[in-house]
Amino acid sequence: MYVVIEHSISNPKEFWEIAQAIKLPAGLKIHSTLPNSDGSKAVCLWEGKEVKDVKNAVEGAVGKFSKNEYFSVETKNALGLPK
């Protein structure tokens, strides 16, 4: 399953330092990270078994530096997903 996260980042310096060094649990993969120019917002595309698995990993790593909104991707209507 693909999961999109919309991040509103309160502390870009800390968030991006942690995000660059994160060790992903087995079964999770991050495909894209698309930040704005000042690092205060980003959209990321992840792949995992369930939304909760992605959420647990992200919140545990950067949750104190951002508010995060998660949703699963409806692949039938999606464009440009990884193959």
PDB file of N, CA and C in Angstrom:
ATOM      1  N   MET A   1       0.847  -1.170   0.000  1.00  0.00           N
ATOM      2  CA  MET A   1       0.000   0.000   0.000  1.00  0.00           C
ATOM      3  C   MET A   1       0.892   1.233   0.000  1.00  0.00           C
ATOM      4  N   TYR A   2       0.463   2.244  -0.750  1.00  0.00           N
ATOM      5  CA  TYR A   2       1.162   3.529  -0.736  1.00  0.00           C
ATOM      6  C   TYR A   2       0.470   4.467   0.247  1.00  0.00           C
ATOM      7  N   VAL A   3       1.293   5.254   0.946  1.00  0.00           N
ATOM      8  CA  VAL A   3       0.791   6.204   1.942  1.00  0.00           C
ATOM      9  C   VAL A   3       1.431   7.556   1.681  1.00  0.00           C
ATOM     10  N   VAL A   4       0.599   8.589   1.660  1.00  0.00           N
ATOM     11  CA  VAL A   4       1.092   9.956   1.523  1.00  0.00           C
ATOM     12  C   VAL A   4       1.028  10.620   2.888  1.00  0.00           C
ATOM     13  N   ILE A   5       2.061  11.399   3.182  1.00  0.00           N
ATOM     14  CA  ILE A   5       2.089  12.185   4.413  1.00  0.00           C
ATOM     15  C   ILE A   5       2.259  13.644   4.030  1.00  0.00           C
ATOM     16  N   GLU A   6       1.424  14.490   4.618  1.00  0.00           N
ATOM     17  CA  GLU A   6       1.578  15.938   4.503  1.00  0.00           C
ATOM     18  C   GLU A   6       2.122  16.423   5.841  1.00  0.00           C
ATOM     19  N   HIS A   7       3.333  16.975   5.809  1.00  0.00           N
ATOM     20  CA  HIS A   7       3.996  17.455   7.024  1.00  0.00           C
ATOM     21  C   HIS A   7       3.891  18.979   7.132  1.00  0.00           C
ATOM     22  N   SER A   8       3.493  19.473   8.282  1.00  0.00           N
ATOM     23  CA  SER A   8       3.614  20.887   8.648  1.00  0.00           C
ATOM     24  C   SER A   8       4.665  20.917   9.749  1.00  0.00           C
ATOM     25  N   ILE A   9       5.823  21.474   9.428  1.00  0.00           N
ATOM     26  CA  ILE A   9       7.021  21.307  10.247  1.00  0.00           C
ATOM     27  C   ILE A   9       7.291  22.544  11.098  1.00  0.00           C
ATOM     28  N   SER A  10       7.340  22.356  12.404  1.00  0.00           N
ATOM     29  CA  SER A  10       7.551  23.477  13.326  1.00  0.00           C
ATOM     30  C   SER A  10       9.029  23.771  13.554  1.00  0.00           C
ATOM     31  N   ASN A  11       9.880  22.779  13.388  1.00  0.00           N
ATOM     32  CA  ASN A  11      11.322  22.947  13.593  1.00  0.00           C
ATOM     33  C   ASN A  11      12.052  22.277  12.428  1.00  0.00           C
ATOM     34  N   PRO A  12      12.176  22.994  11.296  1.00  0.00           N
ATOM     35  CA  PRO A  12      12.789  22.378  10.120  1.00  0.00           C
ATOM     36  C   PRO A  12      14.197  21.837  10.345  1.00  0.00           C
ATOM     37  N   LYS A  13      15.017  22.533  11.101  1.00  0.00           N
ATOM     38  CA  LYS A  13      16.397  22.077  11.314  1.00  0.00           C
ATOM     39  C   LYS A  13      16.412  20.690  11.941  1.00  0.00           C
ATOM     40  N   GLU A  14      15.703  20.515  13.034  1.00  0.00           N
ATOM     41  CA  GLU A  14      15.666  19.216  13.719  1.00  0.00           C
ATOM     42  C   GLU A  14      14.977  18.151  12.859  1.00  0.00           C
ATOM     43  N   PHE A  15      13.848  18.516  12.267  1.00  0.00           N
ATOM     44  CA  PHE A  15      13.092  17.567  11.443  1.00  0.00           C
ATOM     45  C   PHE A  15      13.970  16.983  10.347  1.00  0.00           C
ATOM     46  N   TRP A  16      14.645  17.851   9.581  1.00  0.00           N
ATOM     47  CA  TRP A  16      15.413  17.378   8.429  1.00  0.00           C
ATOM     48  C   TRP A  16      16.686  16.646   8.838  1.00  0.00           C
ATOM     49  N   GLU A  17      17.274  17.002   9.951  1.00  0.00           N
ATOM     50  CA  GLU A  17      18.430  16.241  10.441  1.00  0.00           C
ATOM     51  C   GLU A  17      18.021  14.803  10.762  1.00  0.00           C
ATOM     52  N   ILE A  18      16.902  14.649  11.441  1.00  0.00           N
ATOM     53  CA  ILE A  18      16.409  13.313  11.791  1.00  0.00           C
ATOM     54  C   ILE A  18      15.957  12.574  10.535  1.00  0.00           C
ATOM     55  N   ALA A  19      15.230  13.254   9.657  1.00  0.00           N
ATOM     56  CA  ALA A  19      14.717  12.608   8.447  1.00  0.00           C
ATOM     57  C   ALA A  19      15.850  12.071   7.576  1.00  0.00           C
ATOM     58  N   GLN A  20      16.963  12.782   7.497  1.00  0.00           N
ATOM     59  CA  GLN A  20      18.092  12.337   6.681  1.00  0.00           C
ATOM     60  C   GLN A  20      18.767  11.096   7.258  1.00  0.00           C
ATOM     61  N   ALA A  21      18.640  10.892   8.565  1.00  0.00           N
ATOM     62  CA  ALA A  21      19.353   9.796   9.237  1.00  0.00           C
ATOM     63  C   ALA A  21      18.448   8.626   9.633  1.00  0.00           C
ATOM     64  N   ILE A  22      17.157   8.717   9.348  1.00  0.00           N
ATOM     65  CA  ILE A  22      16.213   7.707   9.828  1.00  0.00           C
ATOM     66  C   ILE A  22      16.549   6.317   9.280  1.00  0.00           C
ATOM     67  N   LYS A  23      16.489   5.329  10.150  1.00  0.00           N
ATOM     68  CA  LYS A  23      16.638   3.927   9.783  1.00  0.00           C
ATOM     69  C   LYS A  23      15.231   3.338   9.725  1.00  0.00           C
ATOM     70  N   LEU A  24      14.823   2.915   8.559  1.00  0.00           N
ATOM     71  CA  LEU A  24      13.459   2.431   8.380  1.00  0.00           C
ATOM     72  C   LEU A  24      13.304   0.993   8.855  1.00  0.00           C
ATOM     73  N   PRO A  25      12.184   0.711   9.524  1.00  0.00           N
ATOM     74  CA  PRO A  25      11.895  -0.667   9.910  1.00  0.00           C
ATOM     75  C   PRO A  25      11.674  -1.528   8.660  1.00  0.00           C
ATOM     76  N   ALA A  26      11.882  -2.822   8.795  1.00  0.00           N
ATOM     77  CA  ALA A  26      11.621  -3.753   7.698  1.00  0.00           C
ATOM     78  C   ALA A  26      10.181  -3.582   7.218  1.00  0.00           C
ATOM     79  N   GLY A  27       9.993  -3.622   5.922  1.00  0.00           N
ATOM     80  CA  GLY A  27       8.656  -3.529   5.347  1.00  0.00           C
ATOM     81  C   GLY A  27       8.220  -2.127   4.997  1.00  0.00           C
ATOM     82  N   LEU A  28       9.031  -1.111   5.325  1.00  0.00           N
ATOM     83  CA  LEU A  28       8.695   0.270   4.979  1.00  0.00           C
ATOM     84  C   LEU A  28       9.708   0.805   3.986  1.00  0.00           C
ATOM     85  N   LYS A  29       9.211   1.612   3.058  1.00  0.00           N
ATOM     86  CA  LYS A  29      10.085   2.240   2.074  1.00  0.00           C
ATOM     87  C   LYS A  29       9.565   3.636   1.788  1.00  0.00           C
ATOM     88  N   ILE A  30      10.476   4.593   1.705  1.00  0.00           N
ATOM     89  CA  ILE A  30      10.095   5.946   1.319  1.00  0.00           C
ATOM     90  C   ILE A  30      10.527   6.151  -0.133  1.00  0.00           C
ATOM     91  N   HIS A  31       9.574   6.570  -0.963  1.00  0.00           N
ATOM     92  CA  HIS A  31       9.836   6.748  -2.393  1.00  0.00           C
ATOM     93  C   HIS A  31      10.180   8.186  -2.742  1.00  0.00           C
ATOM     94  N   SER A  32       9.494   9.141  -2.134  1.00  0.00           N
ATOM     95  CA  SER A  32       9.700  10.556  -2.477  1.00  0.00           C
ATOM     96  C   SER A  32       9.524  11.427  -1.254  1.00  0.00           C
ATOM     97  N   THR A  33      10.346  12.462  -1.178  1.00  0.00           N
ATOM     98  CA  THR A  33      10.216  13.503  -0.165  1.00  0.00           C
ATOM     99  C   THR A  33      10.283  14.828  -0.913  1.00  0.00           C
ATOM    100  N   LEU A  34       9.227  15.627  -0.796  1.00  0.00           N
ATOM    101  CA  LEU A  34       9.108  16.853  -1.577  1.00  0.00           C
ATOM    102  C   LEU A  34       8.890  18.044  -0.644  1.00  0.00           C
ATOM    103  N   PRO A  35       9.980  18.672  -0.187  1.00  0.00           N
ATOM    104  CA  PRO A  35       9.851  19.811   0.736  1.00  0.00           C
ATOM    105  C   PRO A  35       9.706  21.138  -0.007  1.00  0.00           C
ATOM    106  N   ASN A  36       9.156  22.130   0.691  1.00  0.00           N
ATOM    107  CA  ASN A  36       9.156  23.494   0.151  1.00  0.00           C
ATOM    108  C   ASN A  36      10.530  24.122   0.400  1.00  0.00           C
ATOM    109  N   SER A  37      10.711  25.355  -0.045  1.00  0.00           N
ATOM    110  CA  SER A  37      12.046  25.970  -0.032  1.00  0.00           C
ATOM    111  C   SER A  37      12.598  26.229   1.364  1.00  0.00           C
ATOM    112  N   ASP A  38      11.758  26.492   2.357  1.00  0.00           N
ATOM    113  CA  ASP A  38      12.292  26.746   3.704  1.00  0.00           C
ATOM    114  C   ASP A  38      12.188  25.535   4.639  1.00  0.00           C
ATOM    115  N   GLY A  39      11.714  24.403   4.111  1.00  0.00           N
ATOM    116  CA  GLY A  39      11.662  23.173   4.898  1.00  0.00           C
ATOM    117  C   GLY A  39      10.532  23.098   5.904  1.00  0.00           C
ATOM    118  N   SER A  40       9.589  24.028   5.843  1.00  0.00           N
ATOM    119  CA  SER A  40       8.501  24.044   6.822  1.00  0.00           C
ATOM    120  C   SER A  40       7.300  23.194   6.412  1.00  0.00           C
ATOM    121  N   LYS A  41       7.281  22.716   5.195  1.00  0.00           N
ATOM    122  CA  LYS A  41       6.215  21.844   4.690  1.00  0.00           C
ATOM    123  C   LYS A  41       6.851  20.797   3.783  1.00  0.00           C
ATOM    124  N   ALA A  42       6.225  19.637   3.737  1.00  0.00           N
ATOM    125  CA  ALA A  42       6.694  18.587   2.831  1.00  0.00           C
ATOM    126  C   ALA A  42       5.569  17.591   2.589  1.00  0.00           C
ATOM    127  N   VAL A  43       5.675  16.911   1.474  1.00  0.00           N
ATOM    128  CA  VAL A  43       4.799  15.793   1.136  1.00  0.00           C
ATOM    129  C   VAL A  43       5.712  14.614   0.835  1.00  0.00           C
ATOM    130  N   CYS A  44       5.376  13.460   1.406  1.00  0.00           N
ATOM    131  CA  CYS A  44       6.204  12.274   1.214  1.00  0.00           C
ATOM    132  C   CYS A  44       5.338  11.108   0.758  1.00  0.00           C
ATOM    133  N   LEU A  45       5.911  10.251  -0.083  1.00  0.00           N
ATOM    134  CA  LEU A  45       5.251   9.034  -0.529  1.00  0.00           C
ATOM    135  C   LEU A  45       5.989   7.841   0.051  1.00  0.00           C
ATOM    136  N   TRP A  46       5.266   7.061   0.827  1.00  0.00           N
ATOM    137  CA  TRP A  46       5.812   5.873   1.477  1.00  0.00           C
ATOM    138  C   TRP A  46       5.113   4.632   0.946  1.00  0.00           C
ATOM    139  N   GLU A  47       5.728   3.493   1.222  1.00  0.00           N
ATOM    140  CA  GLU A  47       5.111   2.214   0.942  1.00  0.00           C
ATOM    141  C   GLU A  47       5.247   1.330   2.175  1.00  0.00           C
ATOM    142  N   GLY A  48       4.144   0.710   2.544  1.00  0.00           N
ATOM    143  CA  GLY A  48       4.134  -0.170   3.701  1.00  0.00           C
ATOM    144  C   GLY A  48       2.890  -1.034   3.702  1.00  0.00           C
ATOM    145  N   LYS A  49       2.798  -1.912   4.674  1.00  0.00           N
ATOM    146  CA  LYS A  49       1.652  -2.824   4.738  1.00  0.00           C
ATOM    147  C   LYS A  49       0.363  -2.086   5.109  1.00  0.00           C
ATOM    148  N   GLU A  50       0.465  -1.166   6.081  1.00  0.00           N
ATOM    149  CA  GLU A  50      -0.703  -0.420   6.551  1.00  0.00           C
ATOM    150  C   GLU A  50      -0.304   1.008   6.893  1.00  0.00           C
ATOM    151  N   VAL A  51      -1.269   1.919   6.877  1.00  0.00           N
ATOM    152  CA  VAL A  51      -1.020   3.315   7.242  1.00  0.00           C
ATOM    153  C   VAL A  51      -0.438   3.390   8.644  1.00  0.00           C
ATOM    154  N   LYS A  52      -0.951   2.591   9.559  1.00  0.00           N
ATOM    155  CA  LYS A  52      -0.485   2.663  10.952  1.00  0.00           C
ATOM    156  C   LYS A  52       1.000   2.334  11.077  1.00  0.00           C
ATOM    157  N   ASP A  53       1.523   1.463  10.223  1.00  0.00           N
ATOM    158  CA  ASP A  53       2.948   1.125  10.272  1.00  0.00           C
ATOM    159  C   ASP A  53       3.801   2.332   9.897  1.00  0.00           C
ATOM    160  N   VAL A  54       3.392   3.030   8.847  1.00  0.00           N
ATOM    161  CA  VAL A  54       4.100   4.250   8.428  1.00  0.00           C
ATOM    162  C   VAL A  54       3.970   5.310   9.521  1.00  0.00           C
ATOM    163  N   LYS A  55       2.762   5.486  10.032  1.00  0.00           N
ATOM    164  CA  LYS A  55       2.519   6.500  11.060  1.00  0.00           C
ATOM    165  C   LYS A  55       3.367   6.247  12.300  1.00  0.00           C
ATOM    166  N   ASN A  56       3.448   5.012  12.747  1.00  0.00           N
ATOM    167  CA  ASN A  56       4.244   4.703  13.934  1.00  0.00           C
ATOM    168  C   ASN A  56       5.710   5.059  13.728  1.00  0.00           C
ATOM    169  N   ALA A  57       6.254   4.742  12.561  1.00  0.00           N
ATOM    170  CA  ALA A  57       7.663   5.048  12.283  1.00  0.00           C
ATOM    171  C   ALA A  57       7.901   6.552  12.222  1.00  0.00           C
ATOM    172  N   VAL A  58       7.033   7.273  11.531  1.00  0.00           N
ATOM    173  CA  VAL A  58       7.222   8.721  11.355  1.00  0.00           C
ATOM    174  C   VAL A  58       7.010   9.462  12.667  1.00  0.00           C
ATOM    175  N   GLU A  59       5.950   9.168  13.355  1.00  0.00           N
ATOM    176  CA  GLU A  59       5.670   9.871  14.612  1.00  0.00           C
ATOM    177  C   GLU A  59       6.776   9.622  15.630  1.00  0.00           C
ATOM    178  N   GLY A  60       7.298   8.400  15.664  1.00  0.00           N
ATOM    179  CA  GLY A  60       8.376   8.085  16.594  1.00  0.00           C
ATOM    180  C   GLY A  60       9.664   8.828  16.290  1.00  0.00           C
ATOM    181  N   ALA A  61       9.870   9.160  15.035  1.00  0.00           N
ATOM    182  CA  ALA A  61      11.113   9.832  14.638  1.00  0.00           C
ATOM    183  C   ALA A  61      10.992  11.355  14.652  1.00  0.00           C
ATOM    184  N   VAL A  62       9.970  11.899  14.000  1.00  0.00           N
ATOM    185  CA  VAL A  62       9.893  13.360  13.811  1.00  0.00           C
ATOM    186  C   VAL A  62       8.587  13.983  14.309  1.00  0.00           C
ATOM    187  N   GLY A  63       7.750  13.190  14.943  1.00  0.00           N
ATOM    188  CA  GLY A  63       6.439  13.671  15.366  1.00  0.00           C
ATOM    189  C   GLY A  63       6.454  14.884  16.274  1.00  0.00           C
ATOM    190  N   LYS A  64       7.501  15.057  17.079  1.00  0.00           N
ATOM    191  CA  LYS A  64       7.532  16.221  17.969  1.00  0.00           C
ATOM    192  C   LYS A  64       7.923  17.499  17.229  1.00  0.00           C
ATOM    193  N   PHE A  65       8.364  17.377  15.980  1.00  0.00           N
ATOM    194  CA  PHE A  65       8.756  18.549  15.196  1.00  0.00           C
ATOM    195  C   PHE A  65       7.783  18.863  14.063  1.00  0.00           C
ATOM    196  N   SER A  66       6.685  18.081  13.958  1.00  0.00           N
ATOM    197  CA  SER A  66       5.742  18.321  12.866  1.00  0.00           C
ATOM    198  C   SER A  66       4.363  17.775  13.191  1.00  0.00           C
ATOM    199  N   LYS A  67       3.374  18.367  12.538  1.00  0.00           N
ATOM    200  CA  LYS A  67       2.023  17.819  12.535  1.00  0.00           C
ATOM    201  C   LYS A  67       1.899  17.106  11.200  1.00  0.00           C
ATOM    202  N   ASN A  68       1.409  15.867  11.236  1.00  0.00           N
ATOM    203  CA  ASN A  68       1.433  15.021  10.051  1.00  0.00           C
ATOM    204  C   ASN A  68       0.049  14.485   9.745  1.00  0.00           C
ATOM    205  N   GLU A  69      -0.333  14.564   8.485  1.00  0.00           N
ATOM    206  CA  GLU A  69      -1.609  14.017   8.035  1.00  0.00           C
ATOM    207  C   GLU A  69      -1.304  12.859   7.081  1.00  0.00           C
ATOM    208  N   TYR A  70      -1.941  11.712   7.311  1.00  0.00           N
ATOM    209  CA  TYR A  70      -1.665  10.486   6.580  1.00  0.00           C
ATOM    210  C   TYR A  70      -2.894  10.055   5.795  1.00  0.00           C
ATOM    211  N   PHE A  71      -2.674   9.553   4.582  1.00  0.00           N
ATOM    212  CA  PHE A  71      -3.767   8.893   3.884  1.00  0.00           C
ATOM    213  C   PHE A  71      -3.231   7.855   2.916  1.00  0.00           C
ATOM    214  N   SER A  72      -4.027   6.789   2.728  1.00  0.00           N
ATOM    215  CA  SER A  72      -3.644   5.753   1.774  1.00  0.00           C
ATOM    216  C   SER A  72      -3.996   6.229   0.368  1.00  0.00           C
ATOM    217  N   VAL A  73      -3.239   5.760  -0.599  1.00  0.00           N
ATOM    218  CA  VAL A  73      -3.404   6.165  -1.984  1.00  0.00           C
ATOM    219  C   VAL A  73      -4.340   5.184  -2.686  1.00  0.00           C
ATOM    220  N   GLU A  74      -5.310   5.711  -3.392  1.00  0.00           N
ATOM    221  CA  GLU A  74      -6.181   4.900  -4.247  1.00  0.00           C
ATOM    222  C   GLU A  74      -5.433   4.682  -5.557  1.00  0.00           C
ATOM    223  N   THR A  75      -4.793   3.535  -5.695  1.00  0.00           N
ATOM    224  CA  THR A  75      -3.901   3.301  -6.831  1.00  0.00           C
ATOM    225  C   THR A  75      -4.629   3.289  -8.178  1.00  0.00           C
ATOM    226  N   LYS A  76      -5.895   2.964  -8.180  1.00  0.00           N
ATOM    227  CA  LYS A  76      -6.660   2.913  -9.421  1.00  0.00           C
ATOM    228  C   LYS A  76      -6.642   4.259 -10.151  1.00  0.00           C
ATOM    229  N   ASN A  77      -6.654   5.358  -9.406  1.00  0.00           N
ATOM    230  CA  ASN A  77      -6.709   6.699 -10.003  1.00  0.00           C
ATOM    231  C   ASN A  77      -5.389   7.448  -9.919  1.00  0.00           C
ATOM    232  N   ALA A  78      -4.374   6.834  -9.353  1.00  0.00           N
ATOM    233  CA  ALA A  78      -3.086   7.512  -9.146  1.00  0.00           C
ATOM    234  C   ALA A  78      -2.274   7.542 -10.446  1.00  0.00           C
ATOM    235  N   LEU A  79      -1.439   8.560 -10.558  1.00  0.00           N
ATOM    236  CA  LEU A  79      -0.502   8.704 -11.681  1.00  0.00           C
ATOM    237  C   LEU A  79       0.906   8.791 -11.148  1.00  0.00           C
ATOM    238  N   GLY A  80       1.848   8.157 -11.816  1.00  0.00           N
ATOM    239  CA  GLY A  80       3.252   8.302 -11.473  1.00  0.00           C
ATOM    240  C   GLY A  80       3.740   7.527 -10.269  1.00  0.00           C
ATOM    241  N   LEU A  81       3.014   6.536  -9.826  1.00  0.00           N
ATOM    242  CA  LEU A  81       3.494   5.726  -8.700  1.00  0.00           C
ATOM    243  C   LEU A  81       4.695   4.892  -9.121  1.00  0.00           C
ATOM    244  N   PRO A  82       5.583   4.574  -8.173  1.00  0.00           N
ATOM    245  CA  PRO A  82       6.726   3.709  -8.492  1.00  0.00           C
ATOM    246  C   PRO A  82       6.248   2.350  -8.987  1.00  0.00           C
ATOM    247  N   LYS A  83       7.048   1.739  -9.818  1.00  0.00           N
ATOM    248  CA  LYS A  83       6.668   0.408 -10.340  1.00  0.00           C
ATOM    249  C   LYS A  83       7.399  -0.663  -9.593  1.00  0.00           C
TER     250      LYS A  83
END
